[in-house]
PDB file of all heavy atoms in Angstrom:
ATOM      1  N   TYR A   1      26.641  34.141 -12.912  1.00  0.00           N
ATOM      2  CA  TYR A   1      25.931  33.644 -14.126  1.00  0.00           C
ATOM      3  C   TYR A   1      25.388  34.880 -14.848  1.00  0.00           C
ATOM      4  O   TYR A   1      24.800  35.802 -14.332  1.00  0.00           O
ATOM      5  CB  TYR A   1      24.788  32.728 -13.802  1.00  0.00           C
ATOM      6  CG  TYR A   1      25.248  31.380 -13.185  1.00  0.00           C
ATOM      7  CD1 TYR A   1      24.557  30.849 -12.111  1.00  0.00           C
ATOM      8  CD2 TYR A   1      26.324  30.705 -13.744  1.00  0.00           C
ATOM      9  CE1 TYR A   1      24.964  29.652 -11.553  1.00  0.00           C
ATOM     10  CE2 TYR A   1      26.761  29.481 -13.167  1.00  0.00           C
ATOM     11  CZ  TYR A   1      26.034  28.965 -12.088  1.00  0.00           C
ATOM     12  OH  TYR A   1      26.449  27.776 -11.557  1.00  0.00           O
ATOM     13  N   THR A   2      25.467  34.840 -16.196  1.00  0.00           N
ATOM     14  CA  THR A   2      24.926  35.975 -17.054  1.00  0.00           C
ATOM     15  C   THR A   2      23.999  35.419 -18.139  1.00  0.00           C
ATOM     16  O   THR A   2      23.374  36.208 -18.827  1.00  0.00           O
ATOM     17  CB  THR A   2      26.080  36.722 -17.717  1.00  0.00           C
ATOM     18  OG1 THR A   2      26.805  35.798 -18.578  1.00  0.00           O
ATOM     19  CG2 THR A   2      27.046  37.289 -16.701  1.00  0.00           C
ATOM     20  N   GLY A   3      23.934  34.092 -18.343  1.00  0.00           N
ATOM     21  CA  GLY A   3      23.112  33.501 -19.424  1.00  0.00           C
ATOM     22  C   GLY A   3      21.892  32.759 -18.932  1.00  0.00           C
ATOM     23  O   GLY A   3      21.114  33.195 -18.127  1.00  0.00           O
ATOM     24  N   GLY A   4      21.821  31.497 -19.392  1.00  0.00           N
ATOM     25  CA  GLY A   4      20.648  30.707 -19.067  1.00  0.00           C
ATOM     26  C   GLY A   4      20.516  30.352 -17.562  1.00  0.00           C
ATOM     27  O   GLY A   4      19.373  30.366 -17.017  1.00  0.00           O
ATOM     28  N   LEU A   5      21.620  30.201 -16.854  1.00  0.00           N
ATOM     29  CA  LEU A   5      21.476  29.892 -15.434  1.00  0.00           C
ATOM     30  C   LEU A   5      21.153  31.087 -14.667  1.00  0.00           C
ATOM     31  O   LEU A   5      20.491  30.947 -13.614  1.00  0.00           O
ATOM     32  CB  LEU A   5      22.795  29.343 -14.881  1.00  0.00           C
ATOM     33  CG  LEU A   5      23.056  27.866 -15.304  1.00  0.00           C
ATOM     34  CD1 LEU A   5      24.483  27.391 -14.927  1.00  0.00           C
ATOM     35  CD2 LEU A   5      22.016  26.912 -14.765  1.00  0.00           C
ATOM     36  N   LYS A   6      21.442  32.330 -15.139  1.00  0.00           N
ATOM     37  CA  LYS A   6      20.919  33.534 -14.485  1.00  0.00           C
ATOM     38  C   LYS A   6      19.379  33.579 -14.632  1.00  0.00           C
ATOM     39  O   LYS A   6      18.717  33.935 -13.673  1.00  0.00           O
ATOM     40  CB  LYS A   6      21.639  34.754 -15.120  1.00  0.00           C
ATOM     41  CG  LYS A   6      21.074  36.076 -14.440  1.00  0.00           C
ATOM     42  CD  LYS A   6      21.786  37.308 -15.025  1.00  0.00           C
ATOM     43  CE  LYS A   6      21.272  38.563 -14.344  1.00  0.00           C
ATOM     44  NZ  LYS A   6      21.877  39.786 -14.942  1.00  0.00           N
ATOM     45  N   ARG A   7      18.929  33.364 -15.837  1.00  0.00           N
ATOM     46  CA  ARG A   7      17.504  33.422 -16.043  1.00  0.00           C
ATOM     47  C   ARG A   7      16.779  32.379 -15.145  1.00  0.00           C
ATOM     48  O   ARG A   7      15.798  32.797 -14.496  1.00  0.00           O
ATOM     49  CB  ARG A   7      17.197  33.085 -17.548  1.00  0.00           C
ATOM     50  CG  ARG A   7      15.710  33.024 -17.844  1.00  0.00           C
ATOM     51  CD  ARG A   7      15.543  32.854 -19.336  1.00  0.00           C
ATOM     52  NE  ARG A   7      14.187  32.383 -19.677  1.00  0.00           N
ATOM     53  CZ  ARG A   7      13.772  32.092 -20.923  1.00  0.00           C
ATOM     54  NH1 ARG A   7      14.693  32.227 -21.903  1.00  0.00           N
ATOM     55  NH2 ARG A   7      12.612  31.663 -21.147  1.00  0.00           N
ATOM     56  N   LEU A   8      17.258  31.200 -15.057  1.00  0.00           N
ATOM     57  CA  LEU A   8      16.625  30.226 -14.202  1.00  0.00           C
ATOM     58  C   LEU A   8      16.813  30.584 -12.751  1.00  0.00           C
ATOM     59  O   LEU A   8      15.931  30.217 -11.831  1.00  0.00           O
ATOM     60  CB  LEU A   8      17.186  28.839 -14.500  1.00  0.00           C
ATOM     61  CG  LEU A   8      16.824  28.256 -15.904  1.00  0.00           C
ATOM     62  CD1 LEU A   8      17.436  26.843 -16.033  1.00  0.00           C
ATOM     63  CD2 LEU A   8      15.338  28.215 -16.149  1.00  0.00           C
ATOM     64  N   SER A   9      17.893  31.188 -12.381  1.00  0.00           N
ATOM     65  CA  SER A   9      18.119  31.605 -10.944  1.00  0.00           C
ATOM     66  C   SER A   9      17.159  32.671 -10.496  1.00  0.00           C
ATOM     67  O   SER A   9      17.026  32.979  -9.293  1.00  0.00           O
ATOM     68  CB  SER A   9      19.570  32.146 -10.807  1.00  0.00           C
ATOM     69  OG  SER A   9      20.497  31.141 -11.116  1.00  0.00           O
ATOM     70  N   ASN A  10      16.524  33.317 -11.493  1.00  0.00           N
ATOM     71  CA  ASN A  10      15.547  34.377 -11.174  1.00  0.00           C
ATOM     72  C   ASN A  10      14.115  33.930 -11.430  1.00  0.00           C
ATOM     73  O   ASN A  10      13.192  34.754 -11.655  1.00  0.00           O
ATOM     74  CB  ASN A  10      15.825  35.680 -11.990  1.00  0.00           C
ATOM     75  CG  ASN A  10      17.105  36.303 -11.594  1.00  0.00           C
ATOM     76  OD1 ASN A  10      17.469  36.372 -10.374  1.00  0.00           O
ATOM     77  ND2 ASN A  10      17.937  36.727 -12.543  1.00  0.00           N
ATOM     78  N   ALA A  11      13.894  32.571 -11.497  1.00  0.00           N
ATOM     79  CA  ALA A  11      12.569  32.057 -11.710  1.00  0.00           C
ATOM     80  C   ALA A  11      12.062  31.430 -10.474  1.00  0.00           C
ATOM     81  O   ALA A  11      11.952  32.123  -9.428  1.00  0.00           O
ATOM     82  CB  ALA A  11      12.687  31.012 -12.877  1.00  0.00           C
ATOM     83  N   ILE A  12      11.699  30.181 -10.451  1.00  0.00           N
ATOM     84  CA  ILE A  12      11.238  29.500  -9.312  1.00  0.00           C
ATOM     85  C   ILE A  12      12.403  28.605  -8.797  1.00  0.00           C
ATOM     86  O   ILE A  12      12.810  27.655  -9.505  1.00  0.00           O
ATOM     87  CB  ILE A  12       9.999  28.571  -9.624  1.00  0.00           C
ATOM     88  CG1 ILE A  12       8.899  29.447 -10.158  1.00  0.00           C
ATOM     89  CG2 ILE A  12       9.510  27.854  -8.313  1.00  0.00           C
ATOM     90  CD1 ILE A  12       7.702  28.614 -10.758  1.00  0.00           C
ATOM     91  N   VAL A  13      12.926  28.946  -7.602  1.00  0.00           N
ATOM     92  CA  VAL A  13      14.183  28.396  -7.207  1.00  0.00           C
ATOM     93  C   VAL A  13      14.126  27.698  -5.886  1.00  0.00           C
ATOM     94  O   VAL A  13      13.672  28.268  -4.853  1.00  0.00           O
ATOM     95  CB  VAL A  13      15.266  29.619  -7.061  1.00  0.00           C
ATOM     96  CG1 VAL A  13      16.588  29.027  -6.585  1.00  0.00           C
ATOM     97  CG2 VAL A  13      15.400  30.348  -8.415  1.00  0.00           C
ATOM     98  N   PHE A  14      14.497  26.415  -5.983  1.00  0.00           N
ATOM     99  CA  PHE A  14      14.774  25.649  -4.697  1.00  0.00           C
ATOM    100  C   PHE A  14      16.272  25.393  -4.650  1.00  0.00           C
ATOM    101  O   PHE A  14      16.767  24.537  -5.341  1.00  0.00           O
ATOM    102  CB  PHE A  14      13.987  24.321  -4.762  1.00  0.00           C
ATOM    103  CG  PHE A  14      12.485  24.470  -4.834  1.00  0.00           C
ATOM    104  CD1 PHE A  14      11.857  24.619  -6.043  1.00  0.00           C
ATOM    105  CD2 PHE A  14      11.784  24.566  -3.692  1.00  0.00           C
ATOM    106  CE1 PHE A  14      10.433  24.795  -6.090  1.00  0.00           C
ATOM    107  CE2 PHE A  14      10.343  24.779  -3.663  1.00  0.00           C
ATOM    108  CZ  PHE A  14       9.738  24.855  -4.936  1.00  0.00           C
ATOM    109  N   PRO A  15      16.995  26.286  -4.016  1.00  0.00           N
ATOM    110  CA  PRO A  15      18.479  26.304  -4.145  1.00  0.00           C
ATOM    111  C   PRO A  15      19.165  25.127  -3.538  1.00  0.00           C
ATOM    112  O   PRO A  15      20.328  24.823  -3.903  1.00  0.00           O
ATOM    113  CB  PRO A  15      18.867  27.585  -3.406  1.00  0.00           C
ATOM    114  CG  PRO A  15      17.776  27.803  -2.380  1.00  0.00           C
ATOM    115  CD  PRO A  15      16.539  27.314  -3.074  1.00  0.00           C
ATOM    116  N   SER A  16      18.461  24.363  -2.670  1.00  0.00           N
ATOM    117  CA  SER A  16      19.129  23.307  -2.007  1.00  0.00           C
ATOM    118  C   SER A  16      18.156  22.157  -1.771  1.00  0.00           C
ATOM    119  O   SER A  16      17.842  21.806  -0.578  1.00  0.00           O
ATOM    120  CB  SER A  16      19.762  23.748  -0.633  1.00  0.00           C
ATOM    121  OG  SER A  16      20.560  22.784  -0.080  1.00  0.00           O
ATOM    122  N   SER A  17      17.765  21.536  -2.803  1.00  0.00           N
ATOM    123  CA  SER A  17      16.845  20.384  -2.740  1.00  0.00           C
ATOM    124  C   SER A  17      17.713  19.107  -2.556  1.00  0.00           C
ATOM    125  O   SER A  17      18.935  19.174  -2.430  1.00  0.00           O
ATOM    126  CB  SER A  17      15.982  20.261  -3.958  1.00  0.00           C
ATOM    127  OG  SER A  17      16.768  20.090  -5.083  1.00  0.00           O
ATOM    128  N   TYR A  18      17.088  17.969  -2.597  1.00  0.00           N
ATOM    129  CA  TYR A  18      17.778  16.702  -2.170  1.00  0.00           C
ATOM    130  C   TYR A  18      17.629  15.625  -3.182  1.00  0.00           C
ATOM    131  O   TYR A  18      16.540  15.309  -3.695  1.00  0.00           O
ATOM    132  CB  TYR A  18      17.304  16.193  -0.852  1.00  0.00           C
ATOM    133  CG  TYR A  18      17.791  16.974   0.338  1.00  0.00           C
ATOM    134  CD1 TYR A  18      17.122  18.124   0.758  1.00  0.00           C
ATOM    135  CD2 TYR A  18      18.913  16.528   1.037  1.00  0.00           C
ATOM    136  CE1 TYR A  18      17.592  18.865   1.857  1.00  0.00           C
ATOM    137  CE2 TYR A  18      19.380  17.278   2.083  1.00  0.00           C
ATOM    138  CZ  TYR A  18      18.753  18.401   2.520  1.00  0.00           C
ATOM    139  OH  TYR A  18      19.218  19.089   3.597  1.00  0.00           O
ATOM    140  N   GLN A  19      18.688  14.996  -3.525  1.00  0.00           N
ATOM    141  CA  GLN A  19      18.789  13.596  -3.938  1.00  0.00           C
ATOM    142  C   GLN A  19      18.856  12.824  -2.618  1.00  0.00           C
ATOM    143  O   GLN A  19      19.946  12.766  -1.992  1.00  0.00           O
ATOM    144  CB  GLN A  19      20.055  13.311  -4.824  1.00  0.00           C
ATOM    145  CG  GLN A  19      19.890  13.798  -6.252  1.00  0.00           C
ATOM    146  CD  GLN A  19      19.062  12.951  -7.127  1.00  0.00           C
ATOM    147  OE1 GLN A  19      18.381  11.902  -6.665  1.00  0.00           O
ATOM    148  NE2 GLN A  19      18.920  13.280  -8.423  1.00  0.00           N
ATOM    149  N   SER A  20      17.769  12.306  -2.199  1.00  0.00           N
ATOM    150  CA  SER A  20      17.630  11.943  -0.742  1.00  0.00           C
ATOM    151  C   SER A  20      18.465  10.757  -0.310  1.00  0.00           C
ATOM    152  O   SER A  20      18.801  10.561   0.868  1.00  0.00           O
ATOM    153  CB  SER A  20      16.119  11.695  -0.447  1.00  0.00           C
ATOM    154  OG  SER A  20      15.338  12.670  -1.029  1.00  0.00           O
ATOM    155  N   HIS A  21      18.694   9.873  -1.223  1.00  0.00           N
ATOM    156  CA  HIS A  21      19.267   8.528  -0.941  1.00  0.00           C
ATOM    157  C   HIS A  21      20.796   8.567  -0.624  1.00  0.00           C
ATOM    158  O   HIS A  21      21.415   9.626  -0.840  1.00  0.00           O
ATOM    159  CB  HIS A  21      19.090   7.588  -2.096  1.00  0.00           C
ATOM    160  CG  HIS A  21      19.496   8.215  -3.397  1.00  0.00           C
ATOM    161  ND1 HIS A  21      18.663   9.021  -4.159  1.00  0.00           N
ATOM    162  CD2 HIS A  21      20.671   8.124  -4.074  1.00  0.00           C
ATOM    163  CE1 HIS A  21      19.349   9.384  -5.216  1.00  0.00           C
ATOM    164  NE2 HIS A  21      20.495   8.851  -5.234  1.00  0.00           N
ATOM    165  N   ALA A  22      21.331   7.514  -0.122  1.00  0.00           N
ATOM    166  CA  ALA A  22      22.734   7.403   0.267  1.00  0.00           C
ATOM    167  C   ALA A  22      23.627   7.205  -0.947  1.00  0.00           C
ATOM    168  O   ALA A  22      24.752   7.721  -1.020  1.00  0.00           O
ATOM    169  CB  ALA A  22      22.946   6.301   1.299  1.00  0.00           C
ATOM    170  N   ALA A  23      23.231   6.413  -1.886  1.00  0.00           N
ATOM    171  CA  ALA A  23      24.078   6.029  -3.033  1.00  0.00           C
ATOM    172  C   ALA A  23      24.081   7.093  -4.069  1.00  0.00           C
ATOM    173  O   ALA A  23      23.438   6.962  -5.118  1.00  0.00           O
ATOM    174  CB  ALA A  23      23.604   4.681  -3.566  1.00  0.00           C
ATOM    175  N   THR A  24      24.741   8.202  -3.841  1.00  0.00           N
ATOM    176  CA  THR A  24      24.623   9.367  -4.659  1.00  0.00           C
ATOM    177  C   THR A  24      25.574   9.216  -5.908  1.00  0.00           C
ATOM    178  O   THR A  24      26.607   9.930  -6.030  1.00  0.00           O
ATOM    179  CB  THR A  24      25.014  10.640  -3.912  1.00  0.00           C
ATOM    180  OG1 THR A  24      26.234  10.471  -3.161  1.00  0.00           O
ATOM    181  CG2 THR A  24      23.909  11.006  -2.933  1.00  0.00           C
ATOM    182  N   GLU A  25      25.162   8.316  -6.733  1.00  0.00           N
ATOM    183  CA  GLU A  25      25.894   8.068  -8.017  1.00  0.00           C
ATOM    184  C   GLU A  25      25.011   8.513  -9.206  1.00  0.00           C
ATOM    185  O   GLU A  25      23.870   8.815  -9.006  1.00  0.00           O
ATOM    186  CB  GLU A  25      26.279   6.562  -8.119  1.00  0.00           C
ATOM    187  CG  GLU A  25      27.283   6.150  -7.021  1.00  0.00           C
ATOM    188  CD  GLU A  25      27.677   4.663  -7.137  1.00  0.00           C
ATOM    189  OE1 GLU A  25      26.927   3.908  -7.808  1.00  0.00           O
ATOM    190  OE2 GLU A  25      28.690   4.313  -6.558  1.00  0.00           O
ATOM    191  N   THR A  26      25.684   8.475 -10.366  1.00  0.00           N
ATOM    192  CA  THR A  26      24.965   8.989 -11.563  1.00  0.00           C
ATOM    193  C   THR A  26      23.700   8.251 -11.931  1.00  0.00           C
ATOM    194  O   THR A  26      22.637   8.952 -12.175  1.00  0.00           O
ATOM    195  CB  THR A  26      25.949   8.993 -12.737  1.00  0.00           C
ATOM    196  OG1 THR A  26      27.094   9.768 -12.475  1.00  0.00           O
ATOM    197  CG2 THR A  26      25.278   9.484 -14.033  1.00  0.00           C
ATOM    198  N   CYS A  27      23.755   6.938 -11.968  1.00  0.00           N
ATOM    199  CA  CYS A  27      22.565   6.204 -12.407  1.00  0.00           C
ATOM    200  C   CYS A  27      21.414   6.270 -11.380  1.00  0.00           C
ATOM    201  O   CYS A  27      20.287   6.599 -11.772  1.00  0.00           O
ATOM    202  CB  CYS A  27      22.998   4.758 -12.669  1.00  0.00           C
ATOM    203  SG  CYS A  27      22.130   3.975 -14.042  1.00  0.00           S
ATOM    204  N   PRO A  28      21.597   6.052 -10.092  1.00  0.00           N
ATOM    205  CA  PRO A  28      20.518   6.217  -9.161  1.00  0.00           C
ATOM    206  C   PRO A  28      19.956   7.569  -9.183  1.00  0.00           C
ATOM    207  O   PRO A  28      18.687   7.806  -9.194  1.00  0.00           O
ATOM    208  CB  PRO A  28      21.228   5.898  -7.806  1.00  0.00           C
ATOM    209  CG  PRO A  28      22.380   5.071  -8.109  1.00  0.00           C
ATOM    210  CD  PRO A  28      22.868   5.577  -9.424  1.00  0.00           C
ATOM    211  N   GLY A  29      20.811   8.642  -9.237  1.00  0.00           N
ATOM    212  CA  GLY A  29      20.304   9.998  -9.248  1.00  0.00           C
ATOM    213  C   GLY A  29      19.465  10.330 -10.460  1.00  0.00           C
ATOM    214  O   GLY A  29      18.359  10.926 -10.340  1.00  0.00           O
ATOM    215  N   HIS A  30      19.929   9.908 -11.614  1.00  0.00           N
ATOM    216  CA  HIS A  30      19.097  10.142 -12.834  1.00  0.00           C
ATOM    217  C   HIS A  30      17.801   9.411 -12.819  1.00  0.00           C
ATOM    218  O   HIS A  30      16.741   9.763 -13.379  1.00  0.00           O
ATOM    219  CB  HIS A  30      19.919   9.801 -14.070  1.00  0.00           C
ATOM    220  CG  HIS A  30      20.786  10.936 -14.494  1.00  0.00           C
ATOM    221  ND1 HIS A  30      22.171  10.862 -14.323  1.00  0.00           N
ATOM    222  CD2 HIS A  30      20.544  12.107 -15.107  1.00  0.00           C
ATOM    223  CE1 HIS A  30      22.723  12.009 -14.787  1.00  0.00           C
ATOM    224  NE2 HIS A  30      21.730  12.787 -15.253  1.00  0.00           N
ATOM    225  N   SER A  31      17.784   8.250 -12.106  1.00  0.00           N
ATOM    226  CA  SER A  31      16.571   7.444 -12.091  1.00  0.00           C
ATOM    227  C   SER A  31      15.513   8.007 -11.213  1.00  0.00           C
ATOM    228  O   SER A  31      14.300   7.671 -11.343  1.00  0.00           O
ATOM    229  CB  SER A  31      16.903   6.040 -11.573  1.00  0.00           C
ATOM    230  OG  SER A  31      16.921   5.959 -10.091  1.00  0.00           O
ATOM    231  N   THR A  32      15.818   9.040 -10.382  1.00  0.00           N
ATOM    232  CA  THR A  32      14.815   9.709  -9.522  1.00  0.00           C
ATOM    233  C   THR A  32      14.129  10.864 -10.234  1.00  0.00           C
ATOM    234  O   THR A  32      12.976  11.205  -9.930  1.00  0.00           O
ATOM    235  CB  THR A  32      15.412  10.194  -8.276  1.00  0.00           C
ATOM    236  OG1 THR A  32      16.183  11.378  -8.507  1.00  0.00           O
ATOM    237  CG2 THR A  32      16.245   9.137  -7.561  1.00  0.00           C
ATOM    238  N   ILE A  33      14.823  11.532 -11.206  1.00  0.00           N
ATOM    239  CA  ILE A  33      14.437  12.807 -11.658  1.00  0.00           C
ATOM    240  C   ILE A  33      13.092  12.851 -12.380  1.00  0.00           C
ATOM    241  O   ILE A  33      12.261  13.688 -12.129  1.00  0.00           O
ATOM    242  CB  ILE A  33      15.564  13.414 -12.575  1.00  0.00           C
ATOM    243  CG1 ILE A  33      16.806  13.703 -11.725  1.00  0.00           C
ATOM    244  CG2 ILE A  33      15.071  14.668 -13.304  1.00  0.00           C
ATOM    245  CD1 ILE A  33      18.007  14.101 -12.552  1.00  0.00           C
ATOM    246  N   LEU A  34      12.860  11.838 -13.227  1.00  0.00           N
ATOM    247  CA  LEU A  34      11.585  11.804 -14.011  1.00  0.00           C
ATOM    248  C   LEU A  34      10.743  10.508 -13.734  1.00  0.00           C
ATOM    249  O   LEU A  34       9.869  10.173 -14.518  1.00  0.00           O
ATOM    250  CB  LEU A  34      11.883  11.908 -15.494  1.00  0.00           C
ATOM    251  CG  LEU A  34      12.390  13.278 -15.947  1.00  0.00           C
ATOM    252  CD1 LEU A  34      12.684  13.331 -17.419  1.00  0.00           C
ATOM    253  CD2 LEU A  34      11.318  14.379 -15.658  1.00  0.00           C
ATOM    254  N   THR A  35      11.051   9.882 -12.567  1.00  0.00           N
ATOM    255  CA  THR A  35      10.192   8.772 -12.138  1.00  0.00           C
ATOM    256  C   THR A  35       9.407   9.048 -10.894  1.00  0.00           C
ATOM    257  O   THR A  35       8.404   8.350 -10.620  1.00  0.00           O
ATOM    258  CB  THR A  35      10.982   7.457 -11.894  1.00  0.00           C
ATOM    259  OG1 THR A  35      11.827   7.724 -10.737  1.00  0.00           O
ATOM    260  CG2 THR A  35      11.921   7.060 -13.062  1.00  0.00           C
ATOM    261  N   GLY A  36       9.824  10.064 -10.134  1.00  0.00           N
ATOM    262  CA  GLY A  36       9.185  10.397  -8.868  1.00  0.00           C
ATOM    263  C   GLY A  36       9.457   9.373  -7.807  1.00  0.00           C
ATOM    264  O   GLY A  36       8.788   9.393  -6.739  1.00  0.00           O
ATOM    265  N   SER A  37      10.504   8.541  -7.913  1.00  0.00           N
ATOM    266  CA  SER A  37      10.722   7.461  -7.036  1.00  0.00           C
ATOM    267  C   SER A  37      12.156   7.406  -6.600  1.00  0.00           C
ATOM    268  O   SER A  37      13.057   7.685  -7.437  1.00  0.00           O
ATOM    269  CB  SER A  37      10.345   6.132  -7.678  1.00  0.00           C
ATOM    270  OG  SER A  37       8.937   6.115  -7.984  1.00  0.00           O
ATOM    271  N   HIS A  38      12.413   6.970  -5.349  1.00  0.00           N
ATOM    272  CA  HIS A  38      13.749   6.737  -4.863  1.00  0.00           C
ATOM    273  C   HIS A  38      14.311   5.508  -5.520  1.00  0.00           C
ATOM    274  O   HIS A  38      13.588   4.601  -6.021  1.00  0.00           O
ATOM    275  CB  HIS A  38      13.720   6.579  -3.327  1.00  0.00           C
ATOM    276  CG  HIS A  38      13.266   7.819  -2.605  1.00  0.00           C
ATOM    277  ND1 HIS A  38      12.316   7.707  -1.533  1.00  0.00           N
ATOM    278  CD2 HIS A  38      13.557   9.053  -2.721  1.00  0.00           C
ATOM    279  CE1 HIS A  38      12.094   8.930  -1.098  1.00  0.00           C
ATOM    280  NE2 HIS A  38      12.881   9.758  -1.807  1.00  0.00           N
ATOM    281  N   PRO A  39      15.686   5.333  -5.462  1.00  0.00           N
ATOM    282  CA  PRO A  39      16.255   4.105  -6.043  1.00  0.00           C
ATOM    283  C   PRO A  39      15.712   2.844  -5.451  1.00  0.00           C
ATOM    284  O   PRO A  39      15.726   1.770  -6.131  1.00  0.00           O
ATOM    285  CB  PRO A  39      17.747   4.360  -5.700  1.00  0.00           C
ATOM    286  CG  PRO A  39      17.932   5.802  -5.678  1.00  0.00           C
ATOM    287  CD  PRO A  39      16.645   6.281  -5.031  1.00  0.00           C
ATOM    288  N   ALA A  40      15.295   2.830  -4.238  1.00  0.00           N
ATOM    289  CA  ALA A  40      14.695   1.595  -3.678  1.00  0.00           C
ATOM    290  C   ALA A  40      13.470   1.158  -4.487  1.00  0.00           C
ATOM    291  O   ALA A  40      13.207  -0.038  -4.533  1.00  0.00           O
ATOM    292  CB  ALA A  40      14.238   1.889  -2.233  1.00  0.00           C
ATOM    293  N   ARG A  41      12.777   2.053  -5.129  1.00  0.00           N
ATOM    294  CA  ARG A  41      11.656   1.712  -5.999  1.00  0.00           C
ATOM    295  C   ARG A  41      12.037   1.596  -7.445  1.00  0.00           C
ATOM    296  O   ARG A  41      11.520   0.675  -8.168  1.00  0.00           O
ATOM    297  CB  ARG A  41      10.564   2.731  -5.861  1.00  0.00           C
ATOM    298  CG  ARG A  41       9.203   2.317  -6.488  1.00  0.00           C
ATOM    299  CD  ARG A  41       8.205   3.451  -6.456  1.00  0.00           C
ATOM    300  NE  ARG A  41       7.780   3.932  -5.136  1.00  0.00           N
ATOM    301  CZ  ARG A  41       6.663   3.602  -4.568  1.00  0.00           C
ATOM    302  NH1 ARG A  41       5.780   2.800  -5.170  1.00  0.00           N
ATOM    303  NH2 ARG A  41       6.366   4.075  -3.404  1.00  0.00           N
ATOM    304  N   THR A  42      12.953   2.440  -7.936  1.00  0.00           N
ATOM    305  CA  THR A  42      13.383   2.351  -9.333  1.00  0.00           C
ATOM    306  C   THR A  42      14.250   1.127  -9.569  1.00  0.00           C
ATOM    307  O   THR A  42      14.331   0.666 -10.713  1.00  0.00           O
ATOM    308  CB  THR A  42      14.199   3.584  -9.706  1.00  0.00           C
ATOM    309  OG1 THR A  42      15.522   3.553  -9.136  1.00  0.00           O
ATOM    310  CG2 THR A  42      13.450   4.859  -9.421  1.00  0.00           C
ATOM    311  N   GLY A  43      14.849   0.546  -8.550  1.00  0.00           N
ATOM    312  CA  GLY A  43      15.715  -0.589  -8.727  1.00  0.00           C
ATOM    313  C   GLY A  43      17.101  -0.186  -9.099  1.00  0.00           C
ATOM    314  O   GLY A  43      17.980  -1.125  -9.171  1.00  0.00           O
ATOM    315  N   ILE A  44      17.373   1.020  -9.308  1.00  0.00           N
ATOM    316  CA  ILE A  44      18.728   1.480  -9.742  1.00  0.00           C
ATOM    317  C   ILE A  44      19.517   1.870  -8.491  1.00  0.00           C
ATOM    318  O   ILE A  44      19.605   3.097  -8.131  1.00  0.00           O
ATOM    319  CB  ILE A  44      18.636   2.635 -10.748  1.00  0.00           C
ATOM    320  CG1 ILE A  44      17.683   2.274 -11.873  1.00  0.00           C
ATOM    321  CG2 ILE A  44      19.994   2.960 -11.316  1.00  0.00           C
ATOM    322  CD1 ILE A  44      18.078   1.019 -12.622  1.00  0.00           C
ATOM    323  N   ILE A  45      20.096   0.933  -7.864  1.00  0.00           N
ATOM    324  CA  ILE A  45      20.715   1.130  -6.536  1.00  0.00           C
ATOM    325  C   ILE A  45      22.149   1.680  -6.619  1.00  0.00           C
ATOM    326  O   ILE A  45      22.688   2.167  -5.643  1.00  0.00           O
ATOM    327  CB  ILE A  45      20.807  -0.154  -5.691  1.00  0.00           C
ATOM    328  CG1 ILE A  45      21.596  -1.238  -6.476  1.00  0.00           C
ATOM    329  CG2 ILE A  45      19.397  -0.663  -5.497  1.00  0.00           C
ATOM    330  CD1 ILE A  45      22.061  -2.356  -5.647  1.00  0.00           C
ATOM    331  N   ALA A  46      22.778   1.644  -7.794  1.00  0.00           N
ATOM    332  CA  ALA A  46      24.138   2.096  -7.984  1.00  0.00           C
ATOM    333  C   ALA A  46      24.433   2.102  -9.472  1.00  0.00           C
ATOM    334  O   ALA A  46      23.635   1.687 -10.300  1.00  0.00           O
ATOM    335  CB  ALA A  46      25.111   1.103  -7.275  1.00  0.00           C
TER     336      ALA A  46
END
């Protein structure tokens, strides 16, 4: 990386965090990012 991802790679980095749940699909994953909750709570199971 030479651009924006390089800049963020040299900031505060958690290189291997988790989408913790089993149903690793687009909708469940996006439902966790700005809700603070797993799909079991967001209701977005798949």
